[in-house]
Protein backbone atom coordinates (compact mmCIF):
# COMPACT_ATOMS: atom_id res chain seq x y z
CA MET A 1 173.51 58.82 89.29
CA SER A 2 176.82 57.39 90.42
CA GLN A 3 178.45 54.37 88.80
CA SER A 4 177.53 52.27 91.85
CA ASP A 5 173.88 53.35 91.46
CA LEU A 6 173.83 52.34 87.80
CA MET A 7 175.31 48.96 88.47
CA SER A 8 172.94 48.24 91.36
CA PRO A 9 170.35 45.48 90.86
CA LEU A 10 167.49 46.12 88.47
CA PRO A 11 164.00 46.80 89.82
CA LEU A 12 161.88 43.69 90.21
CA ILE A 13 159.58 44.68 87.33
CA MET A 14 160.56 46.32 84.04
CA VAL A 15 157.91 47.21 81.47
CA ALA A 16 158.51 46.76 77.72
CA PRO A 17 155.50 48.63 76.30
CA ASN A 18 155.99 48.50 72.54
CA GLY A 19 159.04 46.65 71.20
CA ALA A 20 160.13 46.75 67.57
CA ARG A 21 157.37 44.85 65.82
CA ARG A 22 153.86 45.45 67.13
CA THR A 23 151.78 48.43 66.03
CA LYS A 24 148.48 50.01 66.97
CA ALA A 25 146.87 47.48 64.65
CA ASP A 26 147.82 44.88 67.26
CA HIS A 27 146.50 47.01 70.13
CA PRO A 28 145.32 50.64 70.07
CA ALA A 29 146.98 51.37 73.43
CA LEU A 30 150.44 50.37 72.23
CA PRO A 31 152.61 53.51 72.53
CA VAL A 32 154.38 54.70 69.38
CA THR A 33 155.27 58.35 69.91
CA ILE A 34 157.59 59.63 72.61
CA ALA A 35 154.69 61.33 74.37
CA GLU A 36 152.70 58.09 74.38
CA THR A 37 155.69 56.12 75.65
CA VAL A 38 156.33 58.52 78.50
CA ALA A 39 152.65 58.56 79.50
CA THR A 40 152.63 54.76 79.42
CA ALA A 41 155.80 54.60 81.50
CA LYS A 42 154.29 56.90 84.13
CA ALA A 43 151.14 54.77 84.37
CA CYS A 44 153.24 51.60 84.62
CA PHE A 45 155.47 53.15 87.31
CA GLU A 46 152.36 53.94 89.35
CA ALA A 47 151.21 50.34 88.79
CA GLY A 48 154.44 48.89 90.16
CA ALA A 49 157.10 48.84 87.40
CA GLY A 50 160.45 50.30 88.37
CA ALA A 51 162.06 50.44 84.92
CA LEU A 52 161.22 51.09 81.28
CA HIS A 53 162.66 49.12 78.35
CA ALA A 54 162.32 51.73 75.63
CA HIS A 55 162.06 51.51 71.85
CA VAL A 56 161.60 54.61 69.71
CA ARG A 57 159.79 54.78 66.39
CA ASP A 58 160.21 56.99 63.35
CA ALA A 59 157.49 59.10 61.71
CA THR A 60 156.05 56.01 60.00
CA GLY A 61 155.90 54.07 63.27
CA ALA A 62 158.85 51.82 62.42
CA HIS A 63 161.49 50.76 64.97
CA VAL A 64 164.61 52.87 64.60
CA LEU A 65 167.98 53.29 66.30
CA ASP A 66 167.96 57.07 66.37
CA ALA A 67 170.16 58.84 68.91
CA GLY A 68 168.21 62.11 68.74
CA LEU A 69 164.91 60.40 69.45
CA TYR A 70 166.42 58.45 72.33
CA ARG A 71 167.93 61.59 73.86
CA GLU A 72 164.52 63.27 73.61
CA LEU A 73 162.79 60.29 75.23
CA LEU A 74 165.31 60.09 78.08
CA ALA A 75 164.99 63.81 78.76
CA GLU A 76 161.20 63.52 78.90
CA MET A 77 161.47 60.51 81.20
CA ARG A 78 163.77 62.39 83.60
CA SER A 79 161.19 65.16 83.80
CA ALA A 80 157.98 63.09 83.97
CA VAL A 81 159.07 59.96 85.86
CA PRO A 82 162.39 60.77 87.57
CA GLY A 83 162.23 57.70 89.82
CA MET A 84 161.99 55.24 86.93
CA LEU A 85 165.07 53.72 85.28
CA ALA A 86 164.95 54.12 81.48
CA GLN A 87 166.79 51.51 79.43
CA ILE A 88 167.31 51.92 75.68
CA THR A 89 167.77 49.04 73.24
CA THR A 90 170.11 48.27 70.34
CA GLU A 91 167.76 45.67 68.83
CA ALA A 92 168.85 45.10 65.24
CA VAL A 93 165.65 43.57 63.74
CA GLY A 94 167.81 42.35 60.86
CA ARG A 95 168.47 45.94 59.84
CA TYR A 96 171.28 47.37 61.96
CA SER A 97 174.90 46.24 61.99
CA PRO A 98 176.98 45.88 65.17
CA GLY A 99 178.79 49.08 64.21
CA GLU A 100 175.51 50.99 63.93
CA GLN A 101 174.38 49.60 67.28
CA ARG A 102 177.62 50.70 68.93
CA ALA A 103 177.36 54.16 67.35
CA LEU A 104 173.88 54.63 68.80
CA VAL A 105 175.02 53.86 72.33
CA ARG A 106 178.13 56.02 72.06
CA ASP A 107 176.01 58.93 70.81
CA VAL A 108 173.41 58.60 73.58
CA LEU A 109 175.56 57.34 76.49
CA PRO A 110 172.47 56.17 78.41
CA ASP A 111 172.32 55.05 82.01
CA ALA A 112 171.15 51.62 80.84
CA VAL A 113 170.98 49.63 77.60
CA SER A 114 169.96 46.14 76.53
CA ILE A 115 172.15 44.43 73.94
CA ALA A 116 171.70 41.01 72.37
CA LEU A 117 175.02 39.17 72.39
CA ARG A 118 174.32 37.40 69.11
CA GLU A 119 173.57 40.74 67.41
CA MET A 120 176.48 42.71 68.83
CA ILE A 121 179.09 39.92 68.52
CA PRO A 122 177.85 37.69 65.66
CA THR A 123 181.33 36.35 64.85
CA ASP A 124 184.53 35.45 66.68
CA ASP A 125 186.02 38.89 65.83
CA VAL A 126 185.62 40.51 69.25
CA ALA A 127 188.07 43.44 69.18
CA ALA A 128 185.54 46.20 68.42
CA ALA A 129 183.02 44.75 70.84
CA GLN A 130 185.60 44.50 73.63
CA ALA A 131 186.54 48.17 73.24
CA PHE A 132 182.85 49.11 73.22
CA TYR A 133 181.93 47.14 76.35
CA THR A 134 185.03 48.43 78.13
CA LEU A 135 183.94 52.01 77.40
CA LEU A 136 180.44 51.37 78.76
CA HIS A 137 181.87 49.72 81.86
CA SER A 138 184.13 52.72 82.49
CA ARG A 139 181.15 55.08 82.13
CA GLY A 140 178.98 53.07 84.55
CA CYS A 141 176.40 52.22 81.89
CA ALA A 142 174.29 49.26 83.03
CA VAL A 143 174.34 46.75 80.15
CA GLN A 144 171.72 44.02 80.15
CA HIS A 145 172.94 41.15 77.99
CA ILE A 146 170.09 39.50 76.09
CA VAL A 147 170.45 35.74 75.64
CA TYR A 148 168.00 33.63 73.67
CA ASP A 149 169.03 30.13 74.71
CA ALA A 150 171.49 28.16 76.82
CA ALA A 151 174.10 28.33 74.04
CA ASP A 152 173.95 32.14 74.16
CA LEU A 153 174.38 31.98 77.93
CA ASP A 154 177.38 29.70 77.58
CA ARG A 155 178.87 32.23 75.16
CA PHE A 156 178.24 35.00 77.69
CA PHE A 157 180.33 33.10 80.25
CA ASP A 158 183.07 32.49 77.68
CA LEU A 159 183.18 36.19 76.84
CA THR A 160 183.34 37.28 80.48
CA ALA A 161 186.15 34.78 81.12
CA ALA A 162 188.04 36.22 78.13
CA GLY A 163 187.60 39.79 79.36
CA VAL A 164 185.50 40.84 76.38
CA LEU A 165 182.69 41.67 78.83
CA PRO A 166 184.57 43.39 81.68
CA GLY A 167 183.71 43.42 85.35
CA ASN A 168 182.23 41.02 87.86
CA ARG A 169 178.68 42.39 87.99
CA HIS A 170 176.37 41.75 85.04
CA GLN A 171 172.71 41.94 84.09
CA LEU A 172 171.10 39.26 81.94
CA LEU A 173 167.75 38.86 80.19
CA PHE A 174 166.62 35.33 79.39
CA VAL A 175 164.20 35.29 76.44
CA LEU A 176 161.79 32.35 76.71
CA GLY A 177 161.08 31.66 73.07
CA ARG A 178 161.34 33.67 69.87
CA TYR A 179 159.82 36.74 68.28
CA ALA A 180 157.57 34.67 66.02
CA VAL A 181 153.89 34.74 65.10
CA GLY A 182 151.94 32.67 67.60
CA GLN A 183 154.91 32.09 69.93
CA GLN A 184 153.74 30.72 73.30
CA SER A 185 156.29 30.56 76.09
CA ASP A 186 156.04 28.10 78.96
CA PRO A 187 157.53 28.31 82.47
CA SER A 188 159.52 25.15 81.73
CA ASP A 189 161.45 27.12 79.08
CA LEU A 190 163.40 28.65 81.96
CA GLU A 191 165.08 25.37 82.96
CA PRO A 192 167.93 25.28 80.38
CA PHE A 193 168.98 28.80 81.39
CA LEU A 194 168.99 27.95 85.10
CA ASP A 195 170.90 24.72 84.53
CA THR A 196 173.61 26.63 82.66
CA LEU A 197 173.59 29.42 85.23
CA GLN A 198 174.08 26.99 88.09
CA GLY A 199 176.96 25.25 86.35
CA ARG A 200 178.90 28.30 85.18
CA ARG A 201 178.21 31.45 87.21
CA GLY A 202 181.16 30.93 89.56
CA ASP A 203 181.79 34.10 91.57
CA LEU A 204 180.09 36.44 89.09
CA ASP A 205 177.48 38.77 90.58
CA LEU A 206 174.56 38.23 88.19
CA ASP A 207 171.22 40.01 88.16
CA TRP A 208 168.92 38.11 85.79
CA ALA A 209 165.44 38.70 84.45
CA VAL A 210 163.04 36.97 82.08
CA CYS A 211 160.71 37.97 79.27
CA ALA A 212 158.13 35.61 77.77
CA PHE A 213 155.59 35.50 74.97
CA GLY A 214 151.89 34.79 74.71
CA HIS A 215 149.16 33.73 77.10
CA GLN A 216 151.48 32.41 79.82
CA GLU A 217 153.62 35.52 80.16
CA THR A 218 152.43 36.14 83.72
CA ALA A 219 152.98 32.51 84.74
CA CYS A 220 156.50 32.54 83.26
CA LEU A 221 157.41 35.74 85.08
CA VAL A 222 156.02 34.54 88.40
CA GLU A 223 158.15 31.40 88.05
CA ALA A 224 161.21 33.52 87.28
CA VAL A 225 160.74 35.57 90.43
CA ARG A 226 160.10 32.41 92.43
CA ARG A 227 163.47 31.10 91.21
CA GLY A 228 165.37 34.25 92.14
CA GLY A 229 165.02 36.32 88.97
CA LYS A 230 163.15 39.41 87.85
CA ALA A 231 160.47 40.20 85.29
CA ARG A 232 160.12 42.17 82.06
CA ILE A 233 156.48 42.50 81.08
CA GLY A 234 154.44 44.37 78.50
CA PHE A 235 152.99 44.59 75.04
CA GLU A 236 156.36 43.96 73.38
CA ASN A 237 155.94 40.30 74.30
CA SER A 238 152.32 39.72 75.29
CA LEU A 239 148.90 41.37 75.28
CA TRP A 240 147.20 38.88 77.61
CA ASN A 241 146.51 38.85 81.32
CA ALA A 242 146.73 35.67 83.37
CA ASP A 243 142.98 35.06 82.95
CA GLY A 244 143.32 35.00 79.16
CA ALA A 245 141.73 38.40 78.58
CA VAL A 246 143.47 41.00 76.43
CA ALA A 247 144.79 43.74 78.70
CA ALA A 248 143.43 47.25 78.33
CA ASP A 249 146.96 48.68 78.35
CA ASN A 250 150.49 48.07 79.60
CA ALA A 251 149.68 49.32 83.10
CA GLU A 252 147.06 46.59 83.40
CA ARG A 253 149.71 44.00 82.50
CA VAL A 254 151.89 45.36 85.30
CA ARG A 255 149.00 45.24 87.76
CA ASP A 256 148.21 41.68 86.67
CA LEU A 257 151.78 40.60 87.44
CA VAL A 258 151.91 42.49 90.74
CA SER A 259 148.66 40.81 91.79
CA ALA A 260 150.02 37.36 90.90
CA LEU A 261 153.28 37.99 92.76
CA GLU A 262 151.45 39.30 95.80
CA GLY A 263 149.15 36.28 95.74
CA ASP A 264 152.21 34.01 95.97
CA GLY A 265 153.92 36.18 98.59
CA LEU A 266 156.71 36.95 96.13
CA MET A 267 156.54 40.74 96.21
CA ARG A 268 157.35 40.68 99.92
CA ALA A 269 160.07 38.06 99.46
CA ALA A 270 161.69 39.98 96.59
CA SER A 271 161.81 43.22 98.55
CA ALA A 272 162.95 41.68 101.85
């Protein structure tokens, strides 16, 4: 892929099939191994997802930032689902330092990566982060900046203005809620992000998406697309379809969202 390809807008739907916290005890169809993740990605691609948000697990099933495992996963994805963008994550889960997150990405040099601003730049010491983001920008790596609230989004704009996050084109993920037991997101949770976006985006070219938790995941994502954004869906954040039933697998979650978007005429509008 060329640098212009990597920095092109994200697909409308990205699937996040496992995340860092859930296990097969939460749902037997949650993928843990690389083979399971690739098979899930293929099924989700056929269901309508254009990108994979990938976590890898160690031999015990625990979330791990392991460059070798990520390289193996990306190679398998290129072979099995060549038309699907594969995005790795630097999620810290309270375990990995910013330096360890940066080392992972430098070792893998993926086409795409999601990075939480508050995990990568937890203090006002930005020198190492600036060098890191500048390297990724020069390599054409598509960085999706994860922001958890309007304050995080304000900080994103401050960091772009200061040149810590280089370039004019950026990808954002708005997280509606928290990774907490029983978390239930609501479509109204999107409003503070959009208010901040409207007030501060200026001439930045921003491609934003949303993830949401619990029984209203589909409703939250439909509202995001209606408002000009994109959707990240899957068992990382929710197990439930719009009708309240537990989905059989991640591909069913994708089909549930596609059906809802088609019902509102939003699939056609998004692709027009």
